[in-house]
Amino acid sequence: MKQTANDQAIIDLYWQRDERAIKETDRAYRARLLSLAKNLLHDAQDAEEVLNDTYVRVWNSIPPARPDSLKAYLLSIMRKTAINRFKASKRQKRVPAEMISSLSDLGDMLSDGDSFHSEQEARALGDILTQFTNTLSDRRAFIFMSRYYLCRPIDDIATRLGCSKSTVNKEIAAIKQDLRQLLESEGYKV
């Protein structure tokens, strides 16, 4: 992603330790970040709390970080923060059904029940997933990322694409089959 002039100005504010950085970040990215958090958590109050936690994490990480893309950096931190909140909710048995269904689709395929033996293996799998996503058409990449990265409901994806839920489900099945074949060819047990 390319850095905008406004994003560069916001990063400069963080580097100057100017609290306006958070206000400008909120003004520019609040809607997008809250949308991601709500898709992941399905709870408006939790989403607001995760948004605030995200701003604190960004404040604490810039500097020393100087992200190439503020938008990608924010979304990554928001996603990690929301997933941590999700895991805490799971321990408390407050797990939204939509989150379980979207992640379990891939989880069943990507893991044989054992945890990764190393961070290196996780990174290698991440590289394979990135390469896989880059081979998808724009439409299929949108569906894959919407469903498995942003945890959007099938209804929402169908609405955004102007098609039926059935069509989206068929495309997800085809994407999963292609991913399964790639993973098997890379030596993963699927």
C-alpha atoms as a PDB file:
ATOM      1  CA  MET A   1       0.000   0.000   0.000  1.00  0.00           C
ATOM      2  CA  LYS A   2       1.150   3.455  -0.817  1.00  0.00           C
ATOM      3  CA  GLN A   3       1.528   6.078   1.891  1.00  0.00           C
ATOM      4  CA  THR A   4      -0.587   9.215   1.445  1.00  0.00           C
ATOM      5  CA  ALA A   5       0.676  12.695   2.296  1.00  0.00           C
ATOM      6  CA  ASN A   6      -1.879  12.853   5.123  1.00  0.00           C
ATOM      7  CA  ASP A   7      -0.646   9.517   6.494  1.00  0.00           C
ATOM      8  CA  GLN A   8       2.938  10.761   6.409  1.00  0.00           C
ATOM      9  CA  ALA A   9       1.887  13.863   8.344  1.00  0.00           C
ATOM     10  CA  ILE A  10       0.162  11.670  10.947  1.00  0.00           C
ATOM     11  CA  ILE A  11       3.260   9.474  11.310  1.00  0.00           C
ATOM     12  CA  ASP A  12       5.359  12.622  11.732  1.00  0.00           C
ATOM     13  CA  LEU A  13       3.038  13.678  14.574  1.00  0.00           C
ATOM     14  CA  TYR A  14       3.634  10.330  16.280  1.00  0.00           C
ATOM     15  CA  TRP A  15       7.380  10.790  15.898  1.00  0.00           C
ATOM     16  CA  GLN A  16       7.084  14.239  17.458  1.00  0.00           C
ATOM     17  CA  ARG A  17       5.056  12.628  20.308  1.00  0.00           C
ATOM     18  CA  ASP A  18       2.246  15.052  19.514  1.00  0.00           C
ATOM     19  CA  GLU A  19      -1.116  13.828  20.852  1.00  0.00           C
ATOM     20  CA  ARG A  20      -2.835  15.225  17.772  1.00  0.00           C
ATOM     21  CA  ALA A  21      -1.550  12.075  16.058  1.00  0.00           C
ATOM     22  CA  ILE A  22      -4.243  10.022  17.765  1.00  0.00           C
ATOM     23  CA  LYS A  23      -6.964  12.552  16.907  1.00  0.00           C
ATOM     24  CA  GLU A  24      -5.885  12.604  13.263  1.00  0.00           C
ATOM     25  CA  THR A  25      -5.676   8.812  13.173  1.00  0.00           C
ATOM     26  CA  ASP A  26      -9.170   8.603  14.604  1.00  0.00           C
ATOM     27  CA  ARG A  27     -10.505  11.147  12.118  1.00  0.00           C
ATOM     28  CA  ALA A  28      -8.966   9.337   9.145  1.00  0.00           C
ATOM     29  CA  TYR A  29      -9.445   5.682  10.113  1.00  0.00           C
ATOM     30  CA  ARG A  30     -12.074   5.342  12.860  1.00  0.00           C
ATOM     31  CA  ALA A  31     -14.852   4.003  10.605  1.00  0.00           C
ATOM     32  CA  ARG A  32     -12.638   1.440   8.904  1.00  0.00           C
ATOM     33  CA  LEU A  33     -11.088   0.247  12.178  1.00  0.00           C
ATOM     34  CA  LEU A  34     -14.441  -0.026  13.953  1.00  0.00           C
ATOM     35  CA  SER A  35     -15.855  -1.966  11.014  1.00  0.00           C
ATOM     36  CA  LEU A  36     -13.023  -4.497  11.269  1.00  0.00           C
ATOM     37  CA  ALA A  37     -13.418  -4.795  15.040  1.00  0.00           C
ATOM     38  CA  LYS A  38     -17.185  -5.280  14.787  1.00  0.00           C
ATOM     39  CA  ASN A  39     -16.721  -7.944  12.093  1.00  0.00           C
ATOM     40  CA  LEU A  40     -14.326  -9.800  14.357  1.00  0.00           C
ATOM     41  CA  LEU A  41     -16.057  -9.332  17.691  1.00  0.00           C
ATOM     42  CA  HIS A  42     -19.740  -8.797  16.864  1.00  0.00           C
ATOM     43  CA  ASP A  43     -20.042  -6.482  19.856  1.00  0.00           C
ATOM     44  CA  ALA A  44     -20.075  -2.683  19.576  1.00  0.00           C
ATOM     45  CA  GLN A  45     -18.771  -2.084  23.106  1.00  0.00           C
ATOM     46  CA  ASP A  46     -15.883  -4.518  22.670  1.00  0.00           C
ATOM     47  CA  ALA A  47     -15.125  -2.922  19.293  1.00  0.00           C
ATOM     48  CA  GLU A  48     -14.864   0.540  20.903  1.00  0.00           C
ATOM     49  CA  GLU A  49     -12.563  -0.812  23.612  1.00  0.00           C
ATOM     50  CA  VAL A  50     -10.384  -2.550  21.037  1.00  0.00           C
ATOM     51  CA  LEU A  51     -10.227   0.691  19.030  1.00  0.00           C
ATOM     52  CA  ASN A  52      -8.908   2.522  22.090  1.00  0.00           C
ATOM     53  CA  ASP A  53      -6.430  -0.281  22.809  1.00  0.00           C
ATOM     54  CA  THR A  54      -5.278  -0.057  19.198  1.00  0.00           C
ATOM     55  CA  TYR A  55      -4.598   3.659  19.500  1.00  0.00           C
ATOM     56  CA  VAL A  56      -2.547   3.039  22.647  1.00  0.00           C
ATOM     57  CA  ARG A  57      -0.535   0.308  20.906  1.00  0.00           C
ATOM     58  CA  VAL A  58       0.104   2.527  17.908  1.00  0.00           C
ATOM     59  CA  TRP A  59       1.184   5.397  20.181  1.00  0.00           C
ATOM     60  CA  ASN A  60       3.586   3.049  21.977  1.00  0.00           C
ATOM     61  CA  SER A  61       5.028   1.568  18.783  1.00  0.00           C
ATOM     62  CA  ILE A  62       5.587   4.718  16.680  1.00  0.00           C
ATOM     63  CA  PRO A  63       8.434   5.477  17.182  1.00  0.00           C
ATOM     64  CA  PRO A  64      10.489   3.345  16.787  1.00  0.00           C
ATOM     65  CA  ALA A  65       8.358   1.903  13.990  1.00  0.00           C
ATOM     66  CA  ARG A  66       7.903   3.967  10.842  1.00  0.00           C
ATOM     67  CA  PRO A  67       5.311   2.026   8.845  1.00  0.00           C
ATOM     68  CA  ASP A  68       5.342   2.108   5.051  1.00  0.00           C
ATOM     69  CA  SER A  69       1.537   2.157   5.123  1.00  0.00           C
ATOM     70  CA  LEU A  70      -0.252   3.666   8.098  1.00  0.00           C
ATOM     71  CA  LYS A  71      -3.526   2.077   6.992  1.00  0.00           C
ATOM     72  CA  ALA A  72      -2.055  -1.431   6.832  1.00  0.00           C
ATOM     73  CA  TYR A  73      -0.213  -0.881  10.112  1.00  0.00           C
ATOM     74  CA  LEU A  74      -3.395   0.233  11.888  1.00  0.00           C
ATOM     75  CA  LEU A  75      -5.472  -2.617  10.465  1.00  0.00           C
ATOM     76  CA  SER A  76      -2.837  -5.145  11.489  1.00  0.00           C
ATOM     77  CA  ILE A  77      -2.683  -3.862  15.054  1.00  0.00           C
ATOM     78  CA  MET A  78      -6.484  -3.626  15.249  1.00  0.00           C
ATOM     79  CA  ARG A  79      -6.857  -7.177  13.980  1.00  0.00           C
ATOM     80  CA  LYS A  80      -4.336  -8.562  16.490  1.00  0.00           C
ATOM     81  CA  THR A  81      -5.953  -6.626  19.322  1.00  0.00           C
ATOM     82  CA  ALA A  82      -9.432  -7.810  18.330  1.00  0.00           C
ATOM     83  CA  ILE A  83      -8.256 -11.420  18.059  1.00  0.00           C
ATOM     84  CA  ASN A  84      -6.754 -11.181  21.544  1.00  0.00           C
ATOM     85  CA  ARG A  85     -10.087  -9.852  22.794  1.00  0.00           C
ATOM     86  CA  PHE A  86     -11.838 -12.679  20.932  1.00  0.00           C
ATOM     87  CA  LYS A  87      -9.606 -15.268  22.639  1.00  0.00           C
ATOM     88  CA  ALA A  88     -10.406 -13.741  26.023  1.00  0.00           C
ATOM     89  CA  SER A  89     -14.122 -13.882  25.168  1.00  0.00           C
ATOM     90  CA  LYS A  90     -13.734 -17.484  24.093  1.00  0.00           C
ATOM     91  CA  ARG A  91     -12.274 -18.347  27.482  1.00  0.00           C
ATOM     92  CA  GLN A  92     -15.365 -16.710  28.990  1.00  0.00           C
ATOM     93  CA  LYS A  93     -17.646 -18.581  26.537  1.00  0.00           C
ATOM     94  CA  ARG A  94     -18.798 -15.377  24.775  1.00  0.00           C
ATOM     95  CA  VAL A  95     -17.949 -16.329  21.212  1.00  0.00           C
ATOM     96  CA  PRO A  96     -20.041 -15.027  18.301  1.00  0.00           C
ATOM     97  CA  ALA A  97     -21.189 -17.848  16.027  1.00  0.00           C
ATOM     98  CA  GLU A  98     -20.138 -15.980  12.862  1.00  0.00           C
ATOM     99  CA  MET A  99     -16.559 -15.755  14.088  1.00  0.00           C
ATOM    100  CA  ILE A 100     -16.419 -19.445  14.878  1.00  0.00           C
ATOM    101  CA  SER A 101     -17.794 -20.472  11.504  1.00  0.00           C
ATOM    102  CA  SER A 102     -15.456 -18.316   9.403  1.00  0.00           C
ATOM    103  CA  LEU A 103     -12.281 -19.202  11.270  1.00  0.00           C
ATOM    104  CA  SER A 104     -13.120 -22.858  11.757  1.00  0.00           C
ATOM    105  CA  ASP A 105     -13.503 -23.201   7.974  1.00  0.00           C
ATOM    106  CA  LEU A 106      -9.833 -22.456   7.532  1.00  0.00           C
ATOM    107  CA  GLY A 107      -8.640 -23.765  10.874  1.00  0.00           C
ATOM    108  CA  ASP A 108      -9.764 -27.272  10.039  1.00  0.00           C
ATOM    109  CA  MET A 109      -7.830 -27.120   6.794  1.00  0.00           C
ATOM    110  CA  LEU A 110      -4.648 -25.474   8.083  1.00  0.00           C
ATOM    111  CA  SER A 111      -4.055 -27.490  11.215  1.00  0.00           C
ATOM    112  CA  ASP A 112      -4.068 -31.131  12.116  1.00  0.00           C
ATOM    113  CA  GLY A 113      -4.756 -30.253  15.730  1.00  0.00           C
ATOM    114  CA  ASP A 114      -1.132 -29.671  16.678  1.00  0.00           C
ATOM    115  CA  SER A 115       0.170 -26.183  17.259  1.00  0.00           C
ATOM    116  CA  PHE A 116       2.959 -24.870  15.088  1.00  0.00           C
ATOM    117  CA  HIS A 117       6.363 -26.103  16.140  1.00  0.00           C
ATOM    118  CA  SER A 118       7.996 -22.817  15.436  1.00  0.00           C
ATOM    119  CA  GLU A 119       7.463 -19.263  14.412  1.00  0.00           C
ATOM    120  CA  GLN A 120       9.397 -20.107  11.256  1.00  0.00           C
ATOM    121  CA  GLU A 121       6.743 -22.640  10.220  1.00  0.00           C
ATOM    122  CA  ALA A 122       4.012 -20.074  10.862  1.00  0.00           C
ATOM    123  CA  ARG A 123       5.889 -17.541   8.747  1.00  0.00           C
ATOM    124  CA  ALA A 124       6.308 -20.085   5.924  1.00  0.00           C
ATOM    125  CA  LEU A 125       2.591 -20.806   5.980  1.00  0.00           C
ATOM    126  CA  GLY A 126       1.895 -17.062   5.953  1.00  0.00           C
ATOM    127  CA  ASP A 127       4.075 -16.708   2.859  1.00  0.00           C
ATOM    128  CA  ILE A 128       2.155 -19.498   1.134  1.00  0.00           C
ATOM    129  CA  LEU A 129      -1.165 -17.837   1.986  1.00  0.00           C
ATOM    130  CA  THR A 130       0.109 -14.499   0.655  1.00  0.00           C
ATOM    131  CA  GLN A 131       1.263 -16.117  -2.586  1.00  0.00           C
ATOM    132  CA  PHE A 132      -2.066 -17.917  -2.854  1.00  0.00           C
ATOM    133  CA  THR A 133      -4.037 -14.714  -2.366  1.00  0.00           C
ATOM    134  CA  ASN A 134      -1.927 -12.981  -5.034  1.00  0.00           C
ATOM    135  CA  THR A 135      -2.956 -15.649  -7.579  1.00  0.00           C
ATOM    136  CA  LEU A 136      -6.664 -15.086  -7.017  1.00  0.00           C
ATOM    137  CA  SER A 137      -8.807 -12.874  -9.220  1.00  0.00           C
ATOM    138  CA  ASP A 138      -9.770  -9.555  -7.631  1.00  0.00           C
ATOM    139  CA  ARG A 139     -13.241 -10.925  -6.888  1.00  0.00           C
ATOM    140  CA  ARG A 140     -11.970 -14.105  -5.256  1.00  0.00           C
ATOM    141  CA  ALA A 141      -9.286 -12.223  -3.312  1.00  0.00           C
ATOM    142  CA  PHE A 142     -12.020  -9.910  -2.021  1.00  0.00           C
ATOM    143  CA  ILE A 143     -14.137 -12.895  -0.970  1.00  0.00           C
ATOM    144  CA  PHE A 144     -11.206 -14.703   0.671  1.00  0.00           C
ATOM    145  CA  MET A 145      -9.962 -11.653   2.568  1.00  0.00           C
ATOM    146  CA  SER A 146     -13.469 -10.554   3.517  1.00  0.00           C
ATOM    147  CA  ARG A 147     -14.362 -13.942   4.916  1.00  0.00           C
ATOM    148  CA  TYR A 148     -11.132 -15.082   6.530  1.00  0.00           C
ATOM    149  CA  TYR A 149      -9.233 -11.891   7.359  1.00  0.00           C
ATOM    150  CA  LEU A 150     -12.075  -9.485   8.084  1.00  0.00           C
ATOM    151  CA  CYS A 151     -14.541 -12.211   9.213  1.00  0.00           C
ATOM    152  CA  ARG A 152     -17.407 -10.674   7.287  1.00  0.00           C
ATOM    153  CA  PRO A 153     -20.664 -12.633   7.211  1.00  0.00           C
ATOM    154  CA  ILE A 154     -21.588 -14.340   3.932  1.00  0.00           C
ATOM    155  CA  ASP A 155     -24.671 -12.051   3.649  1.00  0.00           C
ATOM    156  CA  ASP A 156     -22.455  -8.972   3.805  1.00  0.00           C
ATOM    157  CA  ILE A 157     -20.049 -10.283   1.164  1.00  0.00           C
ATOM    158  CA  ALA A 158     -22.950 -11.189  -1.128  1.00  0.00           C
ATOM    159  CA  THR A 159     -24.481  -7.732  -0.699  1.00  0.00           C
ATOM    160  CA  ARG A 160     -21.176  -6.019  -1.456  1.00  0.00           C
ATOM    161  CA  LEU A 161     -20.763  -8.121  -4.600  1.00  0.00           C
ATOM    162  CA  GLY A 162     -24.393  -7.840  -5.657  1.00  0.00           C
ATOM    163  CA  CYS A 163     -24.914 -11.596  -5.804  1.00  0.00           C
ATOM    164  CA  SER A 164     -26.598 -14.363  -3.823  1.00  0.00           C
ATOM    165  CA  LYS A 165     -25.276 -16.048  -0.699  1.00  0.00           C
ATOM    166  CA  SER A 166     -25.274 -19.287  -2.681  1.00  0.00           C
ATOM    167  CA  THR A 167     -22.891 -17.790  -5.247  1.00  0.00           C
ATOM    168  CA  VAL A 168     -20.527 -16.612  -2.514  1.00  0.00           C
ATOM    169  CA  ASN A 169     -20.644 -20.034  -0.831  1.00  0.00           C
ATOM    170  CA  LYS A 170     -19.801 -21.737  -4.146  1.00  0.00           C
ATOM    171  CA  GLU A 171     -16.860 -19.412  -4.697  1.00  0.00           C
ATOM    172  CA  ILE A 172     -15.628 -19.991  -1.140  1.00  0.00           C
ATOM    173  CA  ALA A 173     -15.794 -23.749  -1.734  1.00  0.00           C
ATOM    174  CA  ALA A 174     -13.744 -23.362  -4.929  1.00  0.00           C
ATOM    175  CA  ILE A 175     -11.209 -21.103  -3.191  1.00  0.00           C
ATOM    176  CA  LYS A 176     -10.852 -23.586  -0.325  1.00  0.00           C
ATOM    177  CA  GLN A 177     -10.345 -26.442  -2.800  1.00  0.00           C
ATOM    178  CA  ASP A 178      -7.596 -24.506  -4.600  1.00  0.00           C
ATOM    179  CA  LEU A 179      -5.978 -23.660  -1.259  1.00  0.00           C
ATOM    180  CA  ARG A 180      -6.192 -27.282  -0.156  1.00  0.00           C
ATOM    181  CA  GLN A 181      -4.411 -28.394  -3.351  1.00  0.00           C
ATOM    182  CA  LEU A 182      -1.690 -25.776  -2.885  1.00  0.00           C
ATOM    183  CA  LEU A 183      -1.121 -26.725   0.745  1.00  0.00           C
ATOM    184  CA  GLU A 184      -0.907 -30.415  -0.127  1.00  0.00           C
ATOM    185  CA  SER A 185       1.586 -29.656  -2.912  1.00  0.00           C
ATOM    186  CA  GLU A 186       3.683 -27.759  -0.342  1.00  0.00           C
ATOM    187  CA  GLY A 187       3.703 -30.783   1.959  1.00  0.00           C
ATOM    188  CA  TYR A 188       1.023 -29.738   4.419  1.00  0.00           C
ATOM    189  CA  LYS A 189      -1.269 -32.433   5.722  1.00  0.00           C
ATOM    190  CA  VAL A 190      -4.792 -31.255   4.962  1.00  0.00           C
END
